[in-house]
Amino acid sequence: ALDSLSANGERLIKMEYERTILKIDLLSAGGKLDHAKESLEAYLIKSPDDWNALLKLMDNVIPLPSKKVQFQNLSSHSGGRLRQEGTESKAEDPPSSLMCFLDSLNEDTRARPGHVTRGPQLALCELKKRMILQSKEHEDGKADSIFPELVDRIVDYWSRFGSLACCPLDLSPYCRILHPASATVLKEKMSKAFPFVTDGLTRA
């Protein structure tokens, strides 16, 4: 199947993302876990604004509570490794390793003049949201201690993309999970950094 995909993939499957995901699934099923990881990372380096691919990456490192890992657990190029289900991961902290990859991707996109690439920076907000939802503090109702980094990620995103009409909608899922105290901190930071911004974002 892999040989057929390599030889005829572009003719049979027009979308590069779909070809990449099929290739990753085939590699993972065949136990070629490092190759699967490298394929998705290589695709994201070429297409960093592909939100579906970014979500695929995160789903297999730190899935949402309601979702299941579709293929093997995936970490980033910072030392993490794909692992087969039921075995221990060699990566000490896959979410932190993934954050390093997303930070690197974000810096690369910043260096491309004339390109507006929101995906990697928004993915950092998504990653922090997932880390919060899976944290013991969140389960215990004491998540205010782990919200500050998400608040900072939201402010950073607004500072770069606040002029775009889609920015409040982009950030709404992350503002919604803030506890009241953290929402107040966000409002204060936004008001100080961007006096023209109303409190509509924190109510989104």
N, C-alpha and C. Protein backbone atom coordinates (compact mmCIF):
# COMPACT_ATOMS: atom_id res chain seq x y z
N ALA A 1 0.83 -1.20 0.00
CA ALA A 1 0.00 0.00 0.00
C ALA A 1 0.87 1.26 0.00
N LEU A 2 1.94 1.23 0.78
CA LEU A 2 2.83 2.39 0.80
C LEU A 2 3.49 2.61 -0.56
N ASP A 3 3.91 1.54 -1.19
CA ASP A 3 4.52 1.65 -2.51
C ASP A 3 3.53 2.23 -3.51
N SER A 4 2.29 1.78 -3.45
CA SER A 4 1.25 2.28 -4.35
C SER A 4 0.99 3.76 -4.09
N LEU A 5 0.97 4.15 -2.81
CA LEU A 5 0.74 5.55 -2.46
C LEU A 5 1.89 6.42 -2.97
N SER A 6 3.12 5.92 -2.83
CA SER A 6 4.28 6.69 -3.30
C SER A 6 4.27 6.85 -4.81
N ALA A 7 3.84 5.79 -5.52
CA ALA A 7 3.89 5.81 -6.97
C ALA A 7 2.71 6.54 -7.59
N ASN A 8 1.52 6.42 -6.98
CA ASN A 8 0.31 6.94 -7.60
C ASN A 8 -0.49 7.89 -6.72
N GLY A 9 0.08 8.26 -5.58
CA GLY A 9 -0.67 9.05 -4.61
C GLY A 9 -1.20 10.36 -5.16
N GLU A 10 -0.37 11.11 -5.88
CA GLU A 10 -0.79 12.41 -6.38
C GLU A 10 -1.91 12.29 -7.40
N ARG A 11 -1.91 11.21 -8.15
CA ARG A 11 -2.96 11.00 -9.16
C ARG A 11 -4.26 10.54 -8.50
N LEU A 12 -4.16 9.70 -7.47
CA LEU A 12 -5.34 9.14 -6.85
C LEU A 12 -5.95 10.05 -5.78
N ILE A 13 -5.09 10.77 -5.06
CA ILE A 13 -5.56 11.63 -3.96
C ILE A 13 -4.99 13.02 -4.18
N LYS A 14 -5.84 13.96 -4.54
CA LYS A 14 -5.38 15.29 -4.93
C LYS A 14 -4.90 16.13 -3.74
N MET A 15 -5.55 15.99 -2.58
CA MET A 15 -5.20 16.83 -1.44
C MET A 15 -3.96 16.27 -0.74
N GLU A 16 -2.94 17.14 -0.59
CA GLU A 16 -1.70 16.68 0.04
C GLU A 16 -1.94 16.27 1.49
N TYR A 17 -2.82 16.99 2.20
CA TYR A 17 -3.11 16.62 3.59
C TYR A 17 -3.66 15.21 3.67
N GLU A 18 -4.59 14.87 2.78
CA GLU A 18 -5.18 13.53 2.81
C GLU A 18 -4.15 12.46 2.49
N ARG A 19 -3.26 12.75 1.54
CA ARG A 19 -2.19 11.79 1.24
C ARG A 19 -1.27 11.61 2.44
N THR A 20 -0.96 12.73 3.11
CA THR A 20 -0.07 12.67 4.27
C THR A 20 -0.68 11.86 5.40
N ILE A 21 -1.95 12.08 5.69
CA ILE A 21 -2.60 11.36 6.78
C ILE A 21 -2.69 9.87 6.47
N LEU A 22 -3.00 9.53 5.21
CA LEU A 22 -3.04 8.12 4.82
C LEU A 22 -1.66 7.49 4.98
N LYS A 23 -0.64 8.22 4.57
CA LYS A 23 0.73 7.71 4.70
C LYS A 23 1.09 7.49 6.17
N ILE A 24 0.71 8.43 7.03
CA ILE A 24 1.00 8.32 8.46
C ILE A 24 0.30 7.10 9.05
N ASP A 25 -0.97 6.91 8.68
CA ASP A 25 -1.71 5.76 9.20
C ASP A 25 -1.08 4.44 8.76
N LEU A 26 -0.63 4.38 7.49
CA LEU A 26 -0.01 3.16 6.98
C LEU A 26 1.33 2.91 7.67
N LEU A 27 2.12 3.97 7.83
CA LEU A 27 3.41 3.81 8.50
C LEU A 27 3.24 3.37 9.94
N SER A 28 2.28 3.98 10.63
CA SER A 28 2.04 3.64 12.03
C SER A 28 1.57 2.19 12.16
N ALA A 29 0.64 1.79 11.26
CA ALA A 29 0.15 0.41 11.31
C ALA A 29 1.26 -0.59 11.05
N GLY A 30 2.27 -0.18 10.26
CA GLY A 30 3.39 -1.05 9.96
C GLY A 30 4.52 -0.97 10.95
N GLY A 31 4.32 -0.20 12.03
CA GLY A 31 5.34 -0.10 13.07
C GLY A 31 6.45 0.89 12.78
N LYS A 32 6.35 1.65 11.67
CA LYS A 32 7.39 2.62 11.32
C LYS A 32 7.03 3.96 11.96
N LEU A 33 7.14 4.00 13.27
CA LEU A 33 6.61 5.12 14.03
C LEU A 33 7.40 6.41 13.83
N ASP A 34 8.73 6.31 13.80
CA ASP A 34 9.53 7.50 13.58
C ASP A 34 9.25 8.11 12.22
N HIS A 35 9.07 7.27 11.21
CA HIS A 35 8.78 7.77 9.87
C HIS A 35 7.42 8.48 9.84
N ALA A 36 6.45 7.95 10.58
CA ALA A 36 5.14 8.59 10.64
C ALA A 36 5.24 9.97 11.28
N LYS A 37 5.98 10.05 12.38
CA LYS A 37 6.19 11.34 13.05
C LYS A 37 6.86 12.34 12.11
N GLU A 38 7.89 11.90 11.45
CA GLU A 38 8.63 12.79 10.56
C GLU A 38 7.78 13.27 9.39
N SER A 39 6.89 12.40 8.89
CA SER A 39 6.04 12.76 7.76
C SER A 39 5.08 13.89 8.13
N LEU A 40 4.46 13.79 9.30
CA LEU A 40 3.52 14.83 9.70
C LEU A 40 4.23 16.12 10.02
N GLU A 41 5.37 16.04 10.68
CA GLU A 41 6.13 17.25 10.99
C GLU A 41 6.62 17.93 9.71
N ALA A 42 7.09 17.14 8.75
CA ALA A 42 7.56 17.70 7.48
C ALA A 42 6.42 18.40 6.75
N TYR A 43 5.24 17.79 6.79
CA TYR A 43 4.08 18.41 6.15
C TYR A 43 3.75 19.74 6.82
N LEU A 44 3.79 19.79 8.16
CA LEU A 44 3.46 21.02 8.87
C LEU A 44 4.50 22.11 8.65
N ILE A 45 5.73 21.73 8.46
CA ILE A 45 6.76 22.74 8.17
C ILE A 45 6.48 23.39 6.82
N LYS A 46 5.96 22.62 5.87
CA LYS A 46 5.59 23.16 4.56
C LYS A 46 4.24 23.88 4.59
N SER A 47 3.33 23.38 5.42
CA SER A 47 1.96 23.93 5.47
C SER A 47 1.58 24.23 6.92
N PRO A 48 2.24 25.22 7.53
CA PRO A 48 2.04 25.45 8.97
C PRO A 48 0.67 25.98 9.33
N ASP A 49 -0.11 26.45 8.34
CA ASP A 49 -1.42 27.01 8.64
C ASP A 49 -2.54 26.00 8.44
N ASP A 50 -2.19 24.73 8.26
CA ASP A 50 -3.20 23.69 8.07
C ASP A 50 -3.74 23.29 9.45
N TRP A 51 -4.89 23.84 9.81
CA TRP A 51 -5.43 23.63 11.15
C TRP A 51 -5.77 22.16 11.40
N ASN A 52 -6.28 21.48 10.39
CA ASN A 52 -6.62 20.06 10.56
C ASN A 52 -5.38 19.24 10.89
N ALA A 53 -4.26 19.55 10.23
CA ALA A 53 -3.02 18.82 10.51
C ALA A 53 -2.51 19.14 11.91
N LEU A 54 -2.63 20.38 12.33
CA LEU A 54 -2.21 20.76 13.68
C LEU A 54 -3.05 20.04 14.73
N LEU A 55 -4.35 19.96 14.48
CA LEU A 55 -5.22 19.23 15.41
C LEU A 55 -4.89 17.74 15.42
N LYS A 56 -4.57 17.18 14.26
CA LYS A 56 -4.18 15.77 14.18
C LYS A 56 -2.96 15.52 15.05
N LEU A 57 -2.01 16.43 14.97
CA LEU A 57 -0.80 16.32 15.78
C LEU A 57 -1.15 16.32 17.27
N MET A 58 -1.98 17.29 17.67
CA MET A 58 -2.32 17.40 19.09
C MET A 58 -3.20 16.24 19.56
N ASP A 59 -4.10 15.78 18.70
CA ASP A 59 -4.98 14.67 19.09
C ASP A 59 -4.19 13.44 19.48
N ASN A 60 -2.99 13.31 18.97
CA ASN A 60 -2.21 12.11 19.23
C ASN A 60 -1.09 12.33 20.23
N VAL A 61 -1.09 13.51 20.83
CA VAL A 61 -0.18 13.78 21.95
C VAL A 61 -0.99 14.01 23.22
N ILE A 62 -2.01 14.85 23.12
CA ILE A 62 -2.81 15.20 24.29
C ILE A 62 -4.25 15.38 23.82
N PRO A 63 -4.95 14.27 23.53
CA PRO A 63 -6.31 14.36 22.99
C PRO A 63 -7.28 14.98 23.99
N LEU A 64 -8.33 15.59 23.46
CA LEU A 64 -9.40 16.09 24.32
C LEU A 64 -10.03 14.91 25.06
N PRO A 65 -10.60 15.15 26.24
CA PRO A 65 -11.16 14.05 27.03
C PRO A 65 -12.18 13.21 26.28
N SER A 66 -12.90 13.81 25.33
CA SER A 66 -13.96 13.09 24.62
C SER A 66 -13.46 12.37 23.37
N LYS A 67 -12.16 12.51 23.07
CA LYS A 67 -11.63 11.93 21.83
C LYS A 67 -10.67 10.80 22.15
N LYS A 68 -10.52 9.90 21.18
CA LYS A 68 -9.56 8.82 21.30
C LYS A 68 -8.44 9.03 20.30
N VAL A 69 -7.25 8.55 20.66
CA VAL A 69 -6.12 8.63 19.74
C VAL A 69 -6.43 7.76 18.52
N GLN A 70 -6.33 8.35 17.33
CA GLN A 70 -6.68 7.62 16.12
C GLN A 70 -5.55 6.73 15.65
N PHE A 71 -4.31 7.21 15.77
CA PHE A 71 -3.16 6.34 15.55
C PHE A 71 -2.21 6.53 16.70
N GLN A 72 -0.99 6.12 16.58
CA GLN A 72 -0.12 6.04 17.75
C GLN A 72 0.23 7.42 18.29
N ASN A 73 0.49 7.45 19.59
CA ASN A 73 0.77 8.70 20.29
C ASN A 73 1.97 9.40 19.66
N LEU A 74 1.79 10.68 19.32
CA LEU A 74 2.77 11.41 18.53
C LEU A 74 3.34 12.57 19.33
N SER A 75 4.64 12.71 19.32
CA SER A 75 5.28 13.84 19.97
C SER A 75 6.01 14.64 18.92
N SER A 76 6.72 15.69 19.35
CA SER A 76 7.34 16.56 18.37
C SER A 76 8.80 16.19 18.15
N HIS A 77 9.46 16.99 17.30
CA HIS A 77 10.84 16.67 16.92
C HIS A 77 11.83 16.99 18.01
N SER A 78 11.39 17.42 19.18
CA SER A 78 12.29 17.84 20.24
C SER A 78 12.65 16.70 21.17
N GLY A 79 12.59 15.48 20.67
CA GLY A 79 13.01 14.35 21.49
C GLY A 79 11.91 13.35 21.75
N GLY A 80 10.66 13.71 21.41
CA GLY A 80 9.55 12.79 21.62
C GLY A 80 9.56 11.71 20.57
N ARG A 81 8.76 10.66 20.80
CA ARG A 81 8.68 9.54 19.87
C ARG A 81 7.26 9.04 19.81
N LEU A 82 6.85 8.59 18.65
CA LEU A 82 5.61 7.85 18.55
C LEU A 82 5.75 6.59 19.40
N ARG A 83 4.63 6.13 19.96
CA ARG A 83 4.70 4.88 20.70
C ARG A 83 3.50 4.02 20.34
N GLN A 84 3.68 2.73 20.39
CA GLN A 84 2.57 1.83 20.16
C GLN A 84 1.69 1.79 21.40
N GLU A 85 0.38 1.63 21.17
CA GLU A 85 -0.56 1.62 22.27
C GLU A 85 -0.21 0.49 23.23
N GLY A 86 -0.22 0.82 24.52
CA GLY A 86 0.07 -0.19 25.53
C GLY A 86 1.53 -0.23 25.93
N THR A 87 2.38 0.61 25.31
CA THR A 87 3.79 0.65 25.69
C THR A 87 4.10 2.02 26.25
N GLU A 88 5.16 2.11 27.01
CA GLU A 88 5.52 3.38 27.61
C GLU A 88 6.19 4.28 26.58
N SER A 89 5.89 5.57 26.65
CA SER A 89 6.52 6.54 25.76
C SER A 89 7.94 6.83 26.24
N LYS A 90 8.83 7.03 25.29
CA LYS A 90 10.20 7.39 25.63
C LYS A 90 10.33 8.88 25.89
N ALA A 91 9.34 9.67 25.48
CA ALA A 91 9.38 11.10 25.70
C ALA A 91 8.99 11.39 27.15
N GLU A 92 9.81 12.15 27.85
CA GLU A 92 9.53 12.44 29.24
C GLU A 92 8.27 13.28 29.38
N ASP A 93 8.06 14.24 28.47
CA ASP A 93 6.92 15.13 28.57
C ASP A 93 6.47 15.50 27.16
N PRO A 94 5.65 14.66 26.52
CA PRO A 94 5.23 14.92 25.14
C PRO A 94 4.58 16.28 24.93
N PRO A 95 3.67 16.77 25.83
CA PRO A 95 3.09 18.10 25.59
C PRO A 95 4.14 19.21 25.54
N SER A 96 5.13 19.16 26.45
CA SER A 96 6.18 20.18 26.43
C SER A 96 7.03 20.07 25.18
N SER A 97 7.28 18.85 24.75
CA SER A 97 8.03 18.63 23.52
C SER A 97 7.25 19.16 22.32
N LEU A 98 5.94 18.94 22.31
CA LEU A 98 5.11 19.47 21.24
C LEU A 98 5.10 20.98 21.27
N MET A 99 5.09 21.57 22.45
CA MET A 99 5.11 23.02 22.55
C MET A 99 6.38 23.59 21.94
N CYS A 100 7.50 22.90 22.12
CA CYS A 100 8.76 23.34 21.51
C CYS A 100 8.64 23.32 19.99
N PHE A 101 8.02 22.27 19.45
CA PHE A 101 7.84 22.19 18.01
C PHE A 101 6.95 23.32 17.51
N LEU A 102 5.84 23.60 18.21
CA LEU A 102 4.93 24.66 17.80
C LEU A 102 5.59 26.03 17.92
N ASP A 103 6.38 26.23 18.98
CA ASP A 103 7.12 27.50 19.12
C ASP A 103 8.08 27.68 17.95
N SER A 104 8.77 26.61 17.58
CA SER A 104 9.69 26.68 16.45
C SER A 104 8.94 26.97 15.16
N LEU A 105 7.82 26.33 14.96
CA LEU A 105 7.00 26.56 13.77
C LEU A 105 6.50 28.00 13.73
N ASN A 106 6.12 28.50 14.89
CA ASN A 106 5.64 29.87 14.99
C ASN A 106 6.73 30.88 14.65
N GLU A 107 7.93 30.64 15.15
CA GLU A 107 9.05 31.53 14.83
C GLU A 107 9.38 31.50 13.34
N ASP A 108 9.32 30.32 12.75
CA ASP A 108 9.58 30.20 11.31
C ASP A 108 8.58 31.01 10.50
N THR A 109 7.30 30.97 10.90
CA THR A 109 6.29 31.70 10.14
C THR A 109 6.45 33.21 10.33
N ARG A 110 6.90 33.63 11.49
CA ARG A 110 7.13 35.06 11.72
C ARG A 110 8.22 35.59 10.79
N ALA A 111 9.15 34.71 10.42
CA ALA A 111 10.27 35.13 9.58
C ALA A 111 9.92 35.20 8.10
N ARG A 112 8.69 34.81 7.75
CA ARG A 112 8.28 34.84 6.35
C ARG A 112 7.54 36.13 6.07
N PRO A 113 8.18 37.10 5.42
CA PRO A 113 7.53 38.39 5.17
C PRO A 113 6.35 38.23 4.22
N GLY A 114 5.30 38.99 4.52
CA GLY A 114 4.14 38.98 3.64
C GLY A 114 3.16 37.85 3.86
N HIS A 115 3.44 36.97 4.83
CA HIS A 115 2.56 35.84 5.09
C HIS A 115 1.86 36.03 6.44
N VAL A 116 0.56 35.86 6.44
CA VAL A 116 -0.22 35.89 7.68
C VAL A 116 -0.57 34.44 8.02
N THR A 117 0.14 33.87 8.98
CA THR A 117 -0.02 32.46 9.33
C THR A 117 -0.43 32.37 10.79
N ARG A 118 -1.73 32.13 11.01
CA ARG A 118 -2.26 32.12 12.36
C ARG A 118 -2.14 30.77 13.05
N GLY A 119 -2.10 29.69 12.27
CA GLY A 119 -2.21 28.34 12.81
C GLY A 119 -1.28 28.00 13.95
N PRO A 120 0.05 28.13 13.78
CA PRO A 120 0.96 27.71 14.85
C PRO A 120 0.75 28.47 16.16
N GLN A 121 0.46 29.78 16.07
CA GLN A 121 0.28 30.54 17.31
C GLN A 121 -1.05 30.19 17.98
N LEU A 122 -2.09 29.98 17.18
CA LEU A 122 -3.36 29.56 17.77
C LEU A 122 -3.25 28.15 18.35
N ALA A 123 -2.43 27.32 17.72
CA ALA A 123 -2.22 25.95 18.23
C ALA A 123 -1.60 25.97 19.62
N LEU A 124 -0.80 26.98 19.92
CA LEU A 124 -0.22 27.09 21.26
C LEU A 124 -1.32 27.34 22.30
N CYS A 125 -2.35 28.11 21.92
CA CYS A 125 -3.50 28.30 22.82
C CYS A 125 -4.25 26.98 22.98
N GLU A 126 -4.43 26.27 21.88
CA GLU A 126 -5.14 24.99 21.93
C GLU A 126 -4.40 23.98 22.80
N LEU A 127 -3.08 23.95 22.67
CA LEU A 127 -2.29 23.02 23.47
C LEU A 127 -2.43 23.33 24.95
N LYS A 128 -2.34 24.61 25.31
CA LYS A 128 -2.47 24.98 26.72
C LYS A 128 -3.86 24.64 27.23
N LYS A 129 -4.89 24.82 26.41
CA LYS A 129 -6.25 24.46 26.83
C LYS A 129 -6.32 22.98 27.16
N ARG A 130 -5.75 22.15 26.29
CA ARG A 130 -5.79 20.70 26.51
C ARG A 130 -5.00 20.30 27.75
N MET A 131 -3.87 20.96 27.96
CA MET A 131 -3.07 20.66 29.14
C MET A 131 -3.85 21.01 30.41
N ILE A 132 -4.60 22.12 30.36
CA ILE A 132 -5.40 22.52 31.51
C ILE A 132 -6.53 21.52 31.76
N LEU A 133 -7.23 21.13 30.68
CA LEU A 133 -8.36 20.23 30.83
C LEU A 133 -7.95 18.86 31.36
N GLN A 134 -6.70 18.46 31.11
CA GLN A 134 -6.23 17.17 31.59
C GLN A 134 -5.46 17.26 32.91
N SER A 135 -5.36 18.46 33.47
CA SER A 135 -4.56 18.64 34.68
C SER A 135 -5.33 18.25 35.93
N LYS A 136 -4.60 17.86 36.95
CA LYS A 136 -5.21 17.53 38.23
C LYS A 136 -5.84 18.77 38.86
N GLU A 137 -5.19 19.93 38.66
CA GLU A 137 -5.73 21.17 39.20
C GLU A 137 -7.13 21.45 38.65
N HIS A 138 -7.31 21.20 37.34
CA HIS A 138 -8.62 21.42 36.74
C HIS A 138 -9.65 20.45 37.31
N GLU A 139 -9.25 19.21 37.49
CA GLU A 139 -10.16 18.21 38.07
C GLU A 139 -10.56 18.59 39.49
N ASP A 140 -9.64 19.21 40.21
CA ASP A 140 -9.90 19.59 41.60
C ASP A 140 -10.55 20.97 41.72
N GLY A 141 -10.83 21.61 40.58
CA GLY A 141 -11.43 22.94 40.61
C GLY A 141 -10.47 24.02 41.06
N LYS A 142 -9.17 23.81 40.89
CA LYS A 142 -8.16 24.80 41.33
C LYS A 142 -7.28 25.23 40.15
N ALA A 143 -7.90 25.41 38.99
CA ALA A 143 -7.12 25.62 37.78
C ALA A 143 -6.57 27.04 37.63
N ASP A 144 -6.98 27.97 38.51
CA ASP A 144 -6.48 29.34 38.35
C ASP A 144 -4.96 29.38 38.40
N SER A 145 -4.34 28.44 39.08
CA SER A 145 -2.88 28.44 39.18
C SER A 145 -2.21 28.04 37.87
N ILE A 146 -2.96 27.44 36.94
CA ILE A 146 -2.35 27.00 35.69
C ILE A 146 -2.88 27.78 34.49
N PHE A 147 -3.71 28.80 34.72
CA PHE A 147 -4.25 29.60 33.63
C PHE A 147 -3.32 30.71 33.13
N PRO A 148 -2.38 31.23 33.95
CA PRO A 148 -1.60 32.40 33.50
C PRO A 148 -0.94 32.23 32.14
N GLU A 149 -0.40 31.05 31.84
CA GLU A 149 0.27 30.89 30.56
C GLU A 149 -0.72 30.96 29.41
N LEU A 150 -1.92 30.42 29.59
CA LEU A 150 -2.95 30.54 28.56
C LEU A 150 -3.35 31.99 28.37
N VAL A 151 -3.48 32.73 29.46
CA VAL A 151 -3.79 34.15 29.37
C VAL A 151 -2.73 34.87 28.54
N ASP A 152 -1.46 34.57 28.81
CA ASP A 152 -0.38 35.21 28.06
C ASP A 152 -0.43 34.82 26.59
N ARG A 153 -0.77 33.57 26.29
CA ARG A 153 -0.87 33.12 24.90
C ARG A 153 -2.00 33.87 24.18
N ILE A 154 -3.11 34.09 24.88
CA ILE A 154 -4.23 34.83 24.29
C ILE A 154 -3.81 36.26 23.97
N VAL A 155 -3.13 36.91 24.91
CA VAL A 155 -2.68 38.29 24.71
C VAL A 155 -1.69 38.35 23.54
N ASP A 156 -0.76 37.38 23.49
CA ASP A 156 0.21 37.35 22.39
C ASP A 156 -0.49 37.21 21.04
N TYR A 157 -1.51 36.34 20.99
CA TYR A 157 -2.23 36.13 19.73
C TYR A 157 -2.94 37.41 19.30
N TRP A 158 -3.58 38.07 20.27
CA TRP A 158 -4.27 39.32 19.94
C TRP A 158 -3.30 40.39 19.48
N SER A 159 -2.13 40.46 20.10
CA SER A 159 -1.15 41.49 19.73
C SER A 159 -0.71 41.33 18.28
N ARG A 160 -0.76 40.11 17.77
CA ARG A 160 -0.31 39.86 16.40
C ARG A 160 -1.45 39.89 15.39
N PHE A 161 -2.62 39.40 15.80
CA PHE A 161 -3.72 39.23 14.85
C PHE A 161 -4.99 39.99 15.23
N GLY A 162 -4.90 40.88 16.21
CA GLY A 162 -6.08 41.60 16.67
C GLY A 162 -6.74 42.46 15.62
N SER A 163 -6.03 42.82 14.59
CA SER A 163 -6.62 43.64 13.53
C SER A 163 -7.50 42.84 12.58
N LEU A 164 -7.44 41.51 12.67
CA LEU A 164 -8.24 40.65 11.80
C LEU A 164 -9.63 40.43 12.41
N ALA A 165 -10.64 40.45 11.56
CA ALA A 165 -12.02 40.30 12.04
C ALA A 165 -12.25 38.94 12.69
N CYS A 166 -11.45 37.93 12.30
CA CYS A 166 -11.64 36.58 12.82
C CYS A 166 -11.00 36.38 14.19
N CYS A 167 -10.22 37.34 14.67
CA CYS A 167 -9.44 37.14 15.89
C CYS A 167 -10.31 36.82 17.12
N PRO A 168 -11.38 37.60 17.39
CA PRO A 168 -12.21 37.25 18.56
C PRO A 168 -12.81 35.85 18.46
N LEU A 169 -13.21 35.46 17.26
CA LEU A 169 -13.77 34.12 17.09
C LEU A 169 -12.70 33.05 17.31
N ASP A 170 -11.49 33.32 16.83
CA ASP A 170 -10.38 32.37 17.05
C ASP A 170 -10.15 32.13 18.53
N LEU A 171 -10.20 33.20 19.30
CA LEU A 171 -9.82 33.12 20.72
C LEU A 171 -10.97 32.74 21.64
N SER A 172 -12.18 32.79 21.13
CA SER A 172 -13.34 32.54 21.98
C SER A 172 -13.28 31.21 22.74
N PRO A 173 -12.88 30.07 22.10
CA PRO A 173 -12.85 28.80 22.85
C PRO A 173 -11.90 28.81 24.04
N TYR A 174 -10.88 29.65 23.98
CA TYR A 174 -9.88 29.67 25.04
C TYR A 174 -10.28 30.65 26.15
N CYS A 175 -10.97 31.71 25.77
CA CYS A 175 -11.48 32.63 26.79
C CYS A 175 -12.60 31.98 27.60
N ARG A 176 -13.37 31.12 26.94
CA ARG A 176 -14.53 30.50 27.60
C ARG A 176 -14.14 29.58 28.76
N ILE A 177 -12.97 28.99 28.71
CA ILE A 177 -12.61 28.03 29.78
C ILE A 177 -11.94 28.71 30.97
N LEU A 178 -11.66 30.02 30.86
CA LEU A 178 -11.01 30.72 31.97
C LEU A 178 -11.93 30.80 33.18
N HIS A 179 -11.38 30.59 34.35
CA HIS A 179 -12.13 30.82 35.57
C HIS A 179 -12.28 32.33 35.77
N PRO A 180 -13.24 32.78 36.57
CA PRO A 180 -13.49 34.22 36.71
C PRO A 180 -12.26 35.05 37.06
N ALA A 181 -11.45 34.55 37.99
CA ALA A 181 -10.26 35.32 38.39
C ALA A 181 -9.30 35.49 37.22
N SER A 182 -9.11 34.41 36.43
CA SER A 182 -8.21 34.49 35.28
C SER A 182 -8.80 35.34 34.17
N ALA A 183 -10.12 35.31 34.00
CA ALA A 183 -10.78 36.18 33.02
C ALA A 183 -10.57 37.64 33.39
N THR A 184 -10.59 37.94 34.67
CA THR A 184 -10.35 39.32 35.12
C THR A 184 -8.91 39.73 34.81
N VAL A 185 -7.96 38.82 35.05
CA VAL A 185 -6.56 39.11 34.72
C VAL A 185 -6.41 39.37 33.23
N LEU A 186 -7.07 38.55 32.40
CA LEU A 186 -7.01 38.76 30.95
C LEU A 186 -7.57 40.13 30.58
N LYS A 187 -8.71 40.49 31.15
CA LYS A 187 -9.32 41.78 30.85
C LYS A 187 -8.38 42.92 31.23
N GLU A 188 -7.73 42.81 32.38
CA GLU A 188 -6.81 43.86 32.81
C GLU A 188 -5.61 43.97 31.88
N LYS A 189 -5.06 42.80 31.48
CA LYS A 189 -3.90 42.82 30.57
C LYS A 189 -4.28 43.38 29.21
N MET A 190 -5.46 42.99 28.72
CA MET A 190 -5.90 43.48 27.42
C MET A 190 -6.16 44.99 27.48
N SER A 191 -6.78 45.46 28.54
CA SER A 191 -7.08 46.88 28.67
C SER A 191 -5.81 47.72 28.75
N LYS A 192 -4.80 47.16 29.41
CA LYS A 192 -3.53 47.88 29.55
C LYS A 192 -2.75 47.89 28.24
N ALA A 193 -2.71 46.73 27.56
CA ALA A 193 -1.93 46.63 26.33
C ALA A 193 -2.65 47.22 25.13
N PHE A 194 -3.99 47.09 25.12
CA PHE A 194 -4.79 47.54 23.98
C PHE A 194 -5.99 48.32 24.50
N PRO A 195 -5.81 49.60 24.82
CA PRO A 195 -6.88 50.38 25.45
C PRO A 195 -8.15 50.45 24.60
N PHE A 196 -8.02 50.24 23.29
CA PHE A 196 -9.18 50.33 22.41
C PHE A 196 -10.04 49.08 22.43
N VAL A 197 -9.54 48.01 23.07
CA VAL A 197 -10.28 46.75 23.09
C VAL A 197 -11.32 46.79 24.20
N THR A 198 -12.57 46.44 23.88
CA THR A 198 -13.62 46.40 24.89
C THR A 198 -13.54 45.09 25.65
N ASP A 199 -14.42 44.93 26.61
CA ASP A 199 -14.42 43.68 27.38
C ASP A 199 -15.21 42.58 26.68
N GLY A 200 -15.57 42.77 25.43
CA GLY A 200 -16.32 41.77 24.69
C GLY A 200 -15.57 40.46 24.53
N LEU A 201 -14.24 40.53 24.42
CA LEU A 201 -13.46 39.31 24.23
C LEU A 201 -13.58 38.41 25.43
N THR A 202 -13.48 38.96 26.63
CA THR A 202 -13.54 38.11 27.82
C THR A 202 -14.93 37.59 28.09
N ARG A 203 -15.93 38.15 27.44
CA ARG A 203 -17.29 37.63 27.56
C ARG A 203 -17.65 36.69 26.42
N ALA A 204 -16.70 36.53 25.42
CA ALA A 204 -17.02 35.78 24.21
C ALA A 204 -17.33 34.34 24.54
